[in-house]
Amino acid sequence: MTANDSDYEDACKAYEAENYDKAYELFYALALESDVSCQVNVANMLMHGLGVEQNEDRAFEWYEQAALNEDKVAQYIYGWYCIHQGDEEEGLKQVTLASDALYLDALYDLASFYAQGLYTCPKDLVKASDLYEKAIGLGKKEAIGRLFLIKKEFLGLFQSLIYFAKNISSFAGSISSKT
């Protein structure tokens, strides 16, 4: 076990014991050494004011750093932050990276962007359908209803019912194995 592993374990123990000051201090030291999970922990603690004064701006700086270090949760959170700040290009880039890393919420949201032509995504029902199918396959049950609406829109009601009749067992298997 390295010193960093020991510090990480100590940080987690402190967090679990609700000793947030100590947890933040330990996570922060590791985050400065580019420990991605600690960068996300620091961001979360800053966002919620745990062990440190709440500071959303600094939290998003840490989410950005973790996103640059390829943390899919941070990419998703930072992507939405960018979208809300008006930087749709960077936001969609980050949400897409999280989707590519199979982060379920990112898959689902990106599918919705393409289904509705939101932000700078062109309306693309085929791409939306593929993303919803992938999300369903990974256990995102909310995607089933959205997929049905898309299939209905471009296949018609009868053909979409046939599609779902053929695929219901694989959808049910994906959802039940993930819950």
N, C-alpha and C. Protein backbone atom coordinates (compact mmCIF):
# COMPACT_ATOMS: atom_id res chain seq x y z
N MET A 1 0.86 -1.18 0.00
CA MET A 1 0.00 0.00 0.00
C MET A 1 0.90 1.24 0.00
N THR A 2 0.64 2.16 -0.92
CA THR A 2 1.42 3.39 -0.99
C THR A 2 0.86 4.42 -0.02
N ALA A 3 1.64 5.46 0.18
CA ALA A 3 1.17 6.55 1.05
C ALA A 3 -0.12 7.14 0.52
N ASN A 4 -0.22 7.27 -0.83
CA ASN A 4 -1.44 7.81 -1.43
C ASN A 4 -2.64 6.92 -1.16
N ASP A 5 -2.45 5.58 -1.23
CA ASP A 5 -3.54 4.65 -0.94
C ASP A 5 -3.99 4.82 0.51
N SER A 6 -3.03 4.94 1.38
CA SER A 6 -3.33 5.12 2.80
C SER A 6 -4.06 6.44 3.04
N ASP A 7 -3.58 7.51 2.39
CA ASP A 7 -4.24 8.81 2.52
C ASP A 7 -5.67 8.76 1.97
N TYR A 8 -5.85 8.05 0.86
CA TYR A 8 -7.18 7.93 0.27
C TYR A 8 -8.11 7.19 1.23
N GLU A 9 -7.63 6.08 1.77
CA GLU A 9 -8.44 5.33 2.74
C GLU A 9 -8.77 6.19 3.95
N ASP A 10 -7.80 6.96 4.43
CA ASP A 10 -8.03 7.84 5.57
C ASP A 10 -9.07 8.91 5.22
N ALA A 11 -8.99 9.43 4.00
CA ALA A 11 -9.95 10.45 3.55
C ALA A 11 -11.36 9.86 3.50
N CYS A 12 -11.46 8.65 2.97
CA CYS A 12 -12.77 7.99 2.88
C CYS A 12 -13.33 7.71 4.27
N LYS A 13 -12.48 7.25 5.17
CA LYS A 13 -12.93 6.98 6.54
C LYS A 13 -13.39 8.27 7.22
N ALA A 14 -12.63 9.33 7.02
CA ALA A 14 -13.01 10.62 7.62
C ALA A 14 -14.35 11.09 7.05
N TYR A 15 -14.54 10.92 5.76
CA TYR A 15 -15.80 11.32 5.12
C TYR A 15 -16.97 10.51 5.69
N GLU A 16 -16.77 9.20 5.77
CA GLU A 16 -17.83 8.33 6.30
C GLU A 16 -18.16 8.67 7.75
N ALA A 17 -17.16 9.12 8.50
CA ALA A 17 -17.37 9.50 9.91
C ALA A 17 -17.90 10.94 10.02
N GLU A 18 -18.16 11.56 8.88
CA GLU A 18 -18.64 12.94 8.79
C GLU A 18 -17.63 13.95 9.35
N ASN A 19 -16.35 13.58 9.32
CA ASN A 19 -15.27 14.50 9.66
C ASN A 19 -14.84 15.15 8.34
N TYR A 20 -15.70 16.02 7.85
CA TYR A 20 -15.53 16.57 6.51
C TYR A 20 -14.30 17.46 6.38
N ASP A 21 -13.93 18.17 7.45
CA ASP A 21 -12.73 19.01 7.38
C ASP A 21 -11.50 18.17 7.05
N LYS A 22 -11.33 17.08 7.77
CA LYS A 22 -10.18 16.20 7.54
C LYS A 22 -10.29 15.54 6.16
N ALA A 23 -11.48 15.08 5.82
CA ALA A 23 -11.68 14.43 4.53
C ALA A 23 -11.33 15.38 3.39
N TYR A 24 -11.82 16.61 3.48
CA TYR A 24 -11.53 17.58 2.42
C TYR A 24 -10.03 17.82 2.32
N GLU A 25 -9.38 18.00 3.44
CA GLU A 25 -7.93 18.24 3.45
C GLU A 25 -7.18 17.10 2.75
N LEU A 26 -7.53 15.88 3.08
CA LEU A 26 -6.85 14.72 2.48
C LEU A 26 -7.20 14.56 1.00
N PHE A 27 -8.47 14.69 0.66
CA PHE A 27 -8.87 14.59 -0.74
C PHE A 27 -8.21 15.70 -1.56
N TYR A 28 -8.16 16.90 -1.01
CA TYR A 28 -7.57 18.04 -1.72
C TYR A 28 -6.09 17.79 -2.02
N ALA A 29 -5.35 17.30 -1.04
CA ALA A 29 -3.93 17.02 -1.25
C ALA A 29 -3.74 16.00 -2.38
N LEU A 30 -4.57 14.98 -2.39
CA LEU A 30 -4.48 13.97 -3.45
C LEU A 30 -4.96 14.52 -4.80
N ALA A 31 -5.96 15.37 -4.77
CA ALA A 31 -6.45 15.98 -6.00
C ALA A 31 -5.37 16.83 -6.67
N LEU A 32 -4.58 17.50 -5.86
CA LEU A 32 -3.48 18.31 -6.40
C LEU A 32 -2.43 17.44 -7.09
N GLU A 33 -2.39 16.16 -6.71
CA GLU A 33 -1.46 15.21 -7.33
C GLU A 33 -2.11 14.50 -8.52
N SER A 34 -3.22 15.03 -9.00
CA SER A 34 -3.94 14.53 -10.17
C SER A 34 -4.69 13.23 -9.94
N ASP A 35 -5.06 12.93 -8.70
CA ASP A 35 -5.92 11.78 -8.43
C ASP A 35 -7.34 12.17 -8.84
N VAL A 36 -7.82 11.55 -9.90
CA VAL A 36 -9.09 11.95 -10.51
C VAL A 36 -10.26 11.75 -9.57
N SER A 37 -10.34 10.62 -8.88
CA SER A 37 -11.48 10.41 -7.99
C SER A 37 -11.48 11.45 -6.87
N CYS A 38 -10.29 11.84 -6.43
CA CYS A 38 -10.20 12.88 -5.39
C CYS A 38 -10.60 14.24 -5.94
N GLN A 39 -10.30 14.50 -7.22
CA GLN A 39 -10.73 15.75 -7.84
C GLN A 39 -12.26 15.85 -7.83
N VAL A 40 -12.91 14.73 -8.14
CA VAL A 40 -14.38 14.71 -8.11
C VAL A 40 -14.88 14.88 -6.69
N ASN A 41 -14.23 14.23 -5.72
CA ASN A 41 -14.64 14.37 -4.33
C ASN A 41 -14.50 15.81 -3.85
N VAL A 42 -13.40 16.45 -4.22
CA VAL A 42 -13.19 17.86 -3.85
C VAL A 42 -14.29 18.72 -4.47
N ALA A 43 -14.59 18.47 -5.75
CA ALA A 43 -15.65 19.23 -6.41
C ALA A 43 -16.98 19.04 -5.70
N ASN A 44 -17.31 17.80 -5.38
CA ASN A 44 -18.58 17.53 -4.69
C ASN A 44 -18.63 18.20 -3.33
N MET A 45 -17.52 18.16 -2.60
CA MET A 45 -17.50 18.78 -1.27
C MET A 45 -17.62 20.29 -1.37
N LEU A 46 -16.97 20.89 -2.36
CA LEU A 46 -17.10 22.33 -2.60
C LEU A 46 -18.53 22.69 -3.00
N MET A 47 -19.13 21.85 -3.82
CA MET A 47 -20.49 22.10 -4.30
C MET A 47 -21.49 22.11 -3.14
N HIS A 48 -21.26 21.25 -2.16
CA HIS A 48 -22.21 21.10 -1.06
C HIS A 48 -21.74 21.70 0.26
N GLY A 49 -20.56 22.32 0.26
CA GLY A 49 -20.05 22.96 1.47
C GLY A 49 -19.74 21.97 2.57
N LEU A 50 -19.15 20.85 2.23
CA LEU A 50 -18.78 19.84 3.22
C LEU A 50 -17.30 19.94 3.54
N GLY A 51 -16.97 20.41 4.73
CA GLY A 51 -15.58 20.54 5.15
C GLY A 51 -14.89 21.77 4.62
N VAL A 52 -15.63 22.54 3.88
CA VAL A 52 -15.09 23.74 3.23
C VAL A 52 -16.29 24.64 2.91
N GLU A 53 -16.01 25.93 2.79
CA GLU A 53 -17.09 26.85 2.42
C GLU A 53 -17.61 26.51 1.03
N GLN A 54 -18.93 26.47 0.89
CA GLN A 54 -19.54 26.16 -0.39
C GLN A 54 -19.08 27.17 -1.44
N ASN A 55 -18.64 26.66 -2.59
CA ASN A 55 -18.15 27.53 -3.64
C ASN A 55 -18.36 26.82 -4.98
N GLU A 56 -19.46 27.12 -5.64
CA GLU A 56 -19.80 26.45 -6.90
C GLU A 56 -18.78 26.74 -7.99
N ASP A 57 -18.26 27.95 -8.05
CA ASP A 57 -17.27 28.28 -9.08
C ASP A 57 -16.03 27.39 -8.95
N ARG A 58 -15.52 27.27 -7.74
CA ARG A 58 -14.35 26.41 -7.52
C ARG A 58 -14.70 24.95 -7.75
N ALA A 59 -15.93 24.55 -7.40
CA ALA A 59 -16.36 23.17 -7.64
C ALA A 59 -16.30 22.85 -9.13
N PHE A 60 -16.80 23.76 -9.96
CA PHE A 60 -16.79 23.50 -11.39
C PHE A 60 -15.38 23.53 -11.97
N GLU A 61 -14.47 24.26 -11.35
CA GLU A 61 -13.07 24.20 -11.78
C GLU A 61 -12.52 22.79 -11.55
N TRP A 62 -12.89 22.18 -10.42
CA TRP A 62 -12.43 20.82 -10.14
C TRP A 62 -13.14 19.80 -11.02
N TYR A 63 -14.43 20.01 -11.29
CA TYR A 63 -15.12 19.12 -12.23
C TYR A 63 -14.44 19.20 -13.61
N GLU A 64 -14.09 20.40 -14.02
CA GLU A 64 -13.41 20.56 -15.30
C GLU A 64 -12.09 19.79 -15.31
N GLN A 65 -11.31 19.92 -14.24
CA GLN A 65 -10.03 19.22 -14.17
C GLN A 65 -10.24 17.71 -14.24
N ALA A 66 -11.21 17.21 -13.50
CA ALA A 66 -11.49 15.77 -13.52
C ALA A 66 -12.01 15.34 -14.90
N ALA A 67 -12.79 16.20 -15.55
CA ALA A 67 -13.27 15.89 -16.90
C ALA A 67 -12.09 15.80 -17.87
N LEU A 68 -11.15 16.71 -17.74
CA LEU A 68 -9.95 16.66 -18.59
C LEU A 68 -9.14 15.39 -18.34
N ASN A 69 -9.27 14.86 -17.13
CA ASN A 69 -8.60 13.61 -16.78
C ASN A 69 -9.49 12.39 -17.04
N GLU A 70 -10.55 12.61 -17.83
CA GLU A 70 -11.40 11.55 -18.38
C GLU A 70 -12.31 10.85 -17.37
N ASP A 71 -12.73 11.55 -16.33
CA ASP A 71 -13.73 11.00 -15.42
C ASP A 71 -15.10 11.24 -16.04
N LYS A 72 -15.85 10.15 -16.31
CA LYS A 72 -17.11 10.29 -17.03
C LYS A 72 -18.19 11.03 -16.25
N VAL A 73 -18.20 10.89 -14.94
CA VAL A 73 -19.18 11.64 -14.14
C VAL A 73 -18.86 13.13 -14.19
N ALA A 74 -17.59 13.46 -14.06
CA ALA A 74 -17.17 14.86 -14.14
C ALA A 74 -17.44 15.44 -15.53
N GLN A 75 -17.22 14.63 -16.56
CA GLN A 75 -17.50 15.11 -17.92
C GLN A 75 -18.98 15.46 -18.06
N TYR A 76 -19.83 14.62 -17.51
CA TYR A 76 -21.27 14.85 -17.59
C TYR A 76 -21.66 16.12 -16.82
N ILE A 77 -21.19 16.22 -15.59
CA ILE A 77 -21.54 17.39 -14.76
C ILE A 77 -20.98 18.67 -15.38
N TYR A 78 -19.72 18.62 -15.78
CA TYR A 78 -19.09 19.80 -16.37
C TYR A 78 -19.75 20.14 -17.72
N GLY A 79 -20.14 19.12 -18.46
CA GLY A 79 -20.82 19.37 -19.73
C GLY A 79 -22.11 20.16 -19.53
N TRP A 80 -22.91 19.73 -18.56
CA TRP A 80 -24.15 20.47 -18.27
C TRP A 80 -23.86 21.88 -17.78
N TYR A 81 -22.83 22.02 -16.99
CA TYR A 81 -22.43 23.36 -16.52
C TYR A 81 -22.13 24.25 -17.73
N CYS A 82 -21.34 23.74 -18.66
CA CYS A 82 -20.99 24.52 -19.86
C CYS A 82 -22.23 24.90 -20.65
N ILE A 83 -23.14 23.94 -20.82
CA ILE A 83 -24.38 24.22 -21.55
C ILE A 83 -25.14 25.35 -20.87
N HIS A 84 -25.27 25.27 -19.56
CA HIS A 84 -26.00 26.32 -18.82
C HIS A 84 -25.27 27.66 -18.84
N GLN A 85 -23.97 27.63 -19.04
CA GLN A 85 -23.20 28.87 -19.12
C GLN A 85 -23.18 29.43 -20.55
N GLY A 86 -23.82 28.73 -21.49
CA GLY A 86 -23.90 29.22 -22.86
C GLY A 86 -22.83 28.67 -23.78
N ASP A 87 -21.95 27.80 -23.29
CA ASP A 87 -20.92 27.20 -24.13
C ASP A 87 -21.39 25.80 -24.54
N GLU A 88 -22.37 25.80 -25.46
CA GLU A 88 -22.97 24.54 -25.88
C GLU A 88 -21.97 23.61 -26.55
N GLU A 89 -21.05 24.16 -27.31
CA GLU A 89 -20.07 23.32 -28.01
C GLU A 89 -19.23 22.51 -27.02
N GLU A 90 -18.68 23.16 -26.01
CA GLU A 90 -17.89 22.46 -25.00
C GLU A 90 -18.78 21.53 -24.18
N GLY A 91 -19.98 22.00 -23.86
CA GLY A 91 -20.89 21.18 -23.08
C GLY A 91 -21.25 19.89 -23.79
N LEU A 92 -21.59 19.99 -25.07
CA LEU A 92 -21.93 18.79 -25.84
C LEU A 92 -20.72 17.88 -26.02
N LYS A 93 -19.56 18.48 -26.15
CA LYS A 93 -18.33 17.67 -26.24
C LYS A 93 -18.17 16.83 -24.98
N GLN A 94 -18.35 17.44 -23.81
CA GLN A 94 -18.18 16.73 -22.55
C GLN A 94 -19.28 15.69 -22.32
N VAL A 95 -20.52 16.03 -22.62
CA VAL A 95 -21.61 15.07 -22.47
C VAL A 95 -21.40 13.89 -23.43
N THR A 96 -20.93 14.18 -24.63
CA THR A 96 -20.64 13.11 -25.59
C THR A 96 -19.51 12.21 -25.10
N LEU A 97 -18.48 12.79 -24.52
CA LEU A 97 -17.39 11.98 -23.97
C LEU A 97 -17.91 11.06 -22.86
N ALA A 98 -18.77 11.59 -22.00
CA ALA A 98 -19.35 10.78 -20.94
C ALA A 98 -20.24 9.69 -21.52
N SER A 99 -20.98 10.02 -22.57
CA SER A 99 -21.81 9.03 -23.25
C SER A 99 -20.95 7.94 -23.88
N ASP A 100 -19.87 8.34 -24.52
CA ASP A 100 -18.95 7.37 -25.13
C ASP A 100 -18.34 6.44 -24.08
N ALA A 101 -18.21 6.94 -22.85
CA ALA A 101 -17.69 6.14 -21.74
C ALA A 101 -18.81 5.34 -21.06
N LEU A 102 -20.00 5.36 -21.68
CA LEU A 102 -21.17 4.60 -21.24
C LEU A 102 -21.75 5.06 -19.91
N TYR A 103 -21.67 6.37 -19.65
CA TYR A 103 -22.34 6.92 -18.49
C TYR A 103 -23.82 7.05 -18.85
N LEU A 104 -24.68 6.34 -18.13
CA LEU A 104 -26.09 6.20 -18.51
C LEU A 104 -26.83 7.52 -18.66
N ASP A 105 -26.67 8.42 -17.71
CA ASP A 105 -27.39 9.70 -17.80
C ASP A 105 -26.94 10.47 -19.04
N ALA A 106 -25.67 10.38 -19.37
CA ALA A 106 -25.17 11.07 -20.56
C ALA A 106 -25.74 10.44 -21.83
N LEU A 107 -25.79 9.12 -21.90
CA LEU A 107 -26.40 8.44 -23.06
C LEU A 107 -27.84 8.90 -23.24
N TYR A 108 -28.58 8.89 -22.16
CA TYR A 108 -30.00 9.24 -22.19
C TYR A 108 -30.19 10.71 -22.60
N ASP A 109 -29.43 11.59 -21.99
CA ASP A 109 -29.58 13.01 -22.31
C ASP A 109 -29.15 13.31 -23.75
N LEU A 110 -28.06 12.72 -24.18
CA LEU A 110 -27.60 12.96 -25.55
C LEU A 110 -28.63 12.43 -26.55
N ALA A 111 -29.22 11.28 -26.25
CA ALA A 111 -30.29 10.76 -27.11
C ALA A 111 -31.44 11.78 -27.19
N SER A 112 -31.78 12.36 -26.06
CA SER A 112 -32.85 13.36 -26.03
C SER A 112 -32.49 14.60 -26.85
N PHE A 113 -31.22 15.01 -26.79
CA PHE A 113 -30.78 16.16 -27.59
C PHE A 113 -31.01 15.88 -29.07
N TYR A 114 -30.61 14.69 -29.53
CA TYR A 114 -30.78 14.34 -30.94
C TYR A 114 -32.24 14.11 -31.29
N ALA A 115 -33.01 13.55 -30.37
CA ALA A 115 -34.43 13.30 -30.65
C ALA A 115 -35.20 14.60 -30.85
N GLN A 116 -34.79 15.64 -30.13
CA GLN A 116 -35.53 16.89 -30.18
C GLN A 116 -34.80 18.01 -30.93
N GLY A 117 -33.57 17.76 -31.34
CA GLY A 117 -32.79 18.80 -32.00
C GLY A 117 -32.43 19.92 -31.03
N LEU A 118 -32.02 19.54 -29.82
CA LEU A 118 -31.70 20.54 -28.80
C LEU A 118 -30.24 20.99 -28.89
N TYR A 119 -30.04 22.20 -28.39
CA TYR A 119 -28.71 22.81 -28.36
C TYR A 119 -28.17 22.82 -29.78
N THR A 120 -26.97 22.41 -30.01
CA THR A 120 -26.44 22.45 -31.37
C THR A 120 -26.55 21.09 -32.06
N CYS A 121 -27.29 20.17 -31.46
CA CYS A 121 -27.49 18.85 -32.07
C CYS A 121 -28.61 18.94 -33.11
N PRO A 122 -28.33 18.48 -34.31
CA PRO A 122 -29.43 18.43 -35.28
C PRO A 122 -30.39 17.31 -34.90
N LYS A 123 -31.65 17.48 -35.27
CA LYS A 123 -32.61 16.41 -35.01
C LYS A 123 -32.20 15.20 -35.84
N ASP A 124 -31.95 14.09 -35.16
CA ASP A 124 -31.49 12.87 -35.82
C ASP A 124 -32.10 11.69 -35.07
N LEU A 125 -33.24 11.22 -35.57
CA LEU A 125 -33.97 10.17 -34.88
C LEU A 125 -33.24 8.83 -34.91
N VAL A 126 -32.46 8.58 -35.93
CA VAL A 126 -31.69 7.34 -36.00
C VAL A 126 -30.61 7.33 -34.91
N LYS A 127 -29.90 8.43 -34.81
CA LYS A 127 -28.86 8.53 -33.77
C LYS A 127 -29.48 8.47 -32.37
N ALA A 128 -30.59 9.18 -32.19
CA ALA A 128 -31.29 9.16 -30.90
C ALA A 128 -31.72 7.74 -30.57
N SER A 129 -32.28 7.04 -31.55
CA SER A 129 -32.73 5.67 -31.35
C SER A 129 -31.57 4.77 -30.93
N ASP A 130 -30.43 4.90 -31.61
CA ASP A 130 -29.25 4.09 -31.27
C ASP A 130 -28.79 4.36 -29.83
N LEU A 131 -28.79 5.63 -29.45
CA LEU A 131 -28.36 5.98 -28.08
C LEU A 131 -29.35 5.46 -27.04
N TYR A 132 -30.64 5.59 -27.32
CA TYR A 132 -31.64 5.06 -26.38
C TYR A 132 -31.50 3.54 -26.26
N GLU A 133 -31.29 2.85 -27.40
CA GLU A 133 -31.13 1.40 -27.36
C GLU A 133 -29.91 1.01 -26.52
N LYS A 134 -28.83 1.75 -26.67
CA LYS A 134 -27.63 1.47 -25.88
C LYS A 134 -27.91 1.70 -24.39
N ALA A 135 -28.63 2.78 -24.09
CA ALA A 135 -28.97 3.07 -22.69
C ALA A 135 -29.87 1.98 -22.11
N ILE A 136 -30.82 1.51 -22.90
CA ILE A 136 -31.69 0.42 -22.44
C ILE A 136 -30.86 -0.83 -22.17
N GLY A 137 -29.96 -1.13 -23.09
CA GLY A 137 -29.10 -2.30 -22.94
C GLY A 137 -28.25 -2.26 -21.68
N LEU A 138 -27.97 -1.06 -21.21
CA LEU A 138 -27.17 -0.89 -19.99
C LEU A 138 -28.04 -0.70 -18.75
N GLY A 139 -29.37 -0.75 -18.94
CA GLY A 139 -30.25 -0.73 -17.78
C GLY A 139 -31.04 0.54 -17.52
N LYS A 140 -31.04 1.49 -18.44
CA LYS A 140 -31.77 2.75 -18.25
C LYS A 140 -33.21 2.57 -18.72
N LYS A 141 -34.08 2.13 -17.81
CA LYS A 141 -35.45 1.78 -18.18
C LYS A 141 -36.25 2.97 -18.70
N GLU A 142 -35.92 4.18 -18.27
CA GLU A 142 -36.64 5.37 -18.73
C GLU A 142 -36.53 5.55 -20.24
N ALA A 143 -35.50 4.96 -20.84
CA ALA A 143 -35.27 5.13 -22.27
C ALA A 143 -36.27 4.35 -23.12
N ILE A 144 -36.93 3.36 -22.55
CA ILE A 144 -37.87 2.54 -23.33
C ILE A 144 -39.01 3.38 -23.89
N GLY A 145 -39.62 4.20 -23.05
CA GLY A 145 -40.72 5.04 -23.51
C GLY A 145 -40.29 6.03 -24.58
N ARG A 146 -39.11 6.60 -24.38
CA ARG A 146 -38.59 7.56 -25.37
C ARG A 146 -38.31 6.86 -26.70
N LEU A 147 -37.73 5.65 -26.62
CA LEU A 147 -37.44 4.89 -27.84
C LEU A 147 -38.74 4.57 -28.57
N PHE A 148 -39.77 4.21 -27.83
CA PHE A 148 -41.05 3.91 -28.47
C PHE A 148 -41.57 5.12 -29.24
N LEU A 149 -41.50 6.30 -28.62
CA LEU A 149 -42.00 7.51 -29.29
C LEU A 149 -41.22 7.80 -30.57
N ILE A 150 -39.92 7.58 -30.53
CA ILE A 150 -39.10 7.81 -31.73
C ILE A 150 -39.46 6.81 -32.82
N LYS A 151 -39.52 5.53 -32.44
CA LYS A 151 -39.86 4.50 -33.42
C LYS A 151 -41.23 4.78 -34.02
N LYS A 152 -42.15 5.21 -33.19
CA LYS A 152 -43.50 5.54 -33.67
C LYS A 152 -43.45 6.69 -34.66
N GLU A 153 -42.59 7.68 -34.37
CA GLU A 153 -42.50 8.85 -35.25
C GLU A 153 -41.95 8.50 -36.62
N PHE A 154 -40.92 7.63 -36.69
CA PHE A 154 -40.38 7.37 -38.01
C PHE A 154 -40.75 6.01 -38.60
N LEU A 155 -41.37 5.12 -37.83
CA LEU A 155 -41.84 3.85 -38.38
C LEU A 155 -43.36 3.79 -38.47
N GLY A 156 -44.02 4.60 -37.67
CA GLY A 156 -45.47 4.50 -37.55
C GLY A 156 -45.82 3.57 -36.40
N LEU A 157 -47.05 3.66 -35.95
CA LEU A 157 -47.48 2.90 -34.78
C LEU A 157 -47.36 1.40 -34.99
N PHE A 158 -47.88 0.89 -36.09
CA PHE A 158 -47.90 -0.55 -36.32
C PHE A 158 -46.48 -1.12 -36.37
N GLN A 159 -45.61 -0.53 -37.14
CA GLN A 159 -44.24 -1.02 -37.26
C GLN A 159 -43.47 -0.89 -35.95
N SER A 160 -43.75 0.17 -35.19
CA SER A 160 -43.05 0.32 -33.91
C SER A 160 -43.52 -0.75 -32.93
N LEU A 161 -44.80 -1.12 -32.98
CA LEU A 161 -45.29 -2.21 -32.12
C LEU A 161 -44.63 -3.53 -32.50
N ILE A 162 -44.46 -3.77 -33.78
CA ILE A 162 -43.77 -4.98 -34.23
C ILE A 162 -42.32 -4.97 -33.75
N TYR A 163 -41.66 -3.82 -33.88
CA TYR A 163 -40.27 -3.69 -33.40
C TYR A 163 -40.17 -4.04 -31.92
N PHE A 164 -41.08 -3.49 -31.12
CA PHE A 164 -41.04 -3.75 -29.68
C PHE A 164 -41.41 -5.19 -29.36
N ALA A 165 -42.34 -5.78 -30.10
CA ALA A 165 -42.70 -7.18 -29.88
C ALA A 165 -41.48 -8.08 -30.12
N LYS A 166 -40.70 -7.75 -31.14
CA LYS A 166 -39.49 -8.54 -31.45
C LYS A 166 -38.39 -8.34 -30.43
N ASN A 167 -38.33 -7.17 -29.80
CA ASN A 167 -37.20 -6.83 -28.94
C ASN A 167 -37.53 -6.78 -27.45
N ILE A 168 -38.77 -7.00 -27.09
CA ILE A 168 -39.17 -6.82 -25.69
C ILE A 168 -38.39 -7.74 -24.75
N SER A 169 -38.12 -8.95 -25.17
CA SER A 169 -37.40 -9.86 -24.27
C SER A 169 -35.97 -9.38 -24.02
N SER A 170 -35.32 -8.83 -25.04
CA SER A 170 -33.95 -8.33 -24.81
C SER A 170 -34.00 -7.06 -23.95
N PHE A 171 -35.02 -6.21 -24.16
CA PHE A 171 -35.14 -5.02 -23.31
C PHE A 171 -35.42 -5.42 -21.86
N ALA A 172 -36.35 -6.34 -21.68
CA ALA A 172 -36.69 -6.79 -20.33
C ALA A 172 -35.49 -7.43 -19.65
N GLY A 173 -34.73 -8.23 -20.40
CA GLY A 173 -33.54 -8.86 -19.84
C GLY A 173 -32.50 -7.86 -19.43
N SER A 174 -32.30 -6.82 -20.23
CA SER A 174 -31.32 -5.78 -19.91
C SER A 174 -31.72 -5.03 -18.66
N ILE A 175 -32.99 -4.69 -18.57
CA ILE A 175 -33.47 -3.90 -17.43
C ILE A 175 -33.44 -4.74 -16.15
N SER A 176 -33.94 -5.98 -16.22
CA SER A 176 -34.01 -6.78 -14.99
C SER A 176 -32.63 -7.18 -14.49
N SER A 177 -31.67 -7.35 -15.37
CA SER A 177 -30.33 -7.74 -14.93
C SER A 177 -29.57 -6.57 -14.31
N LYS A 178 -30.02 -5.35 -14.55
CA LYS A 178 -29.33 -4.16 -14.03
C LYS A 178 -29.95 -3.65 -12.74
N THR A 179 -31.14 -4.17 -12.38
CA THR A 179 -31.79 -3.66 -11.16
C THR A 179 -31.57 -4.55 -9.98
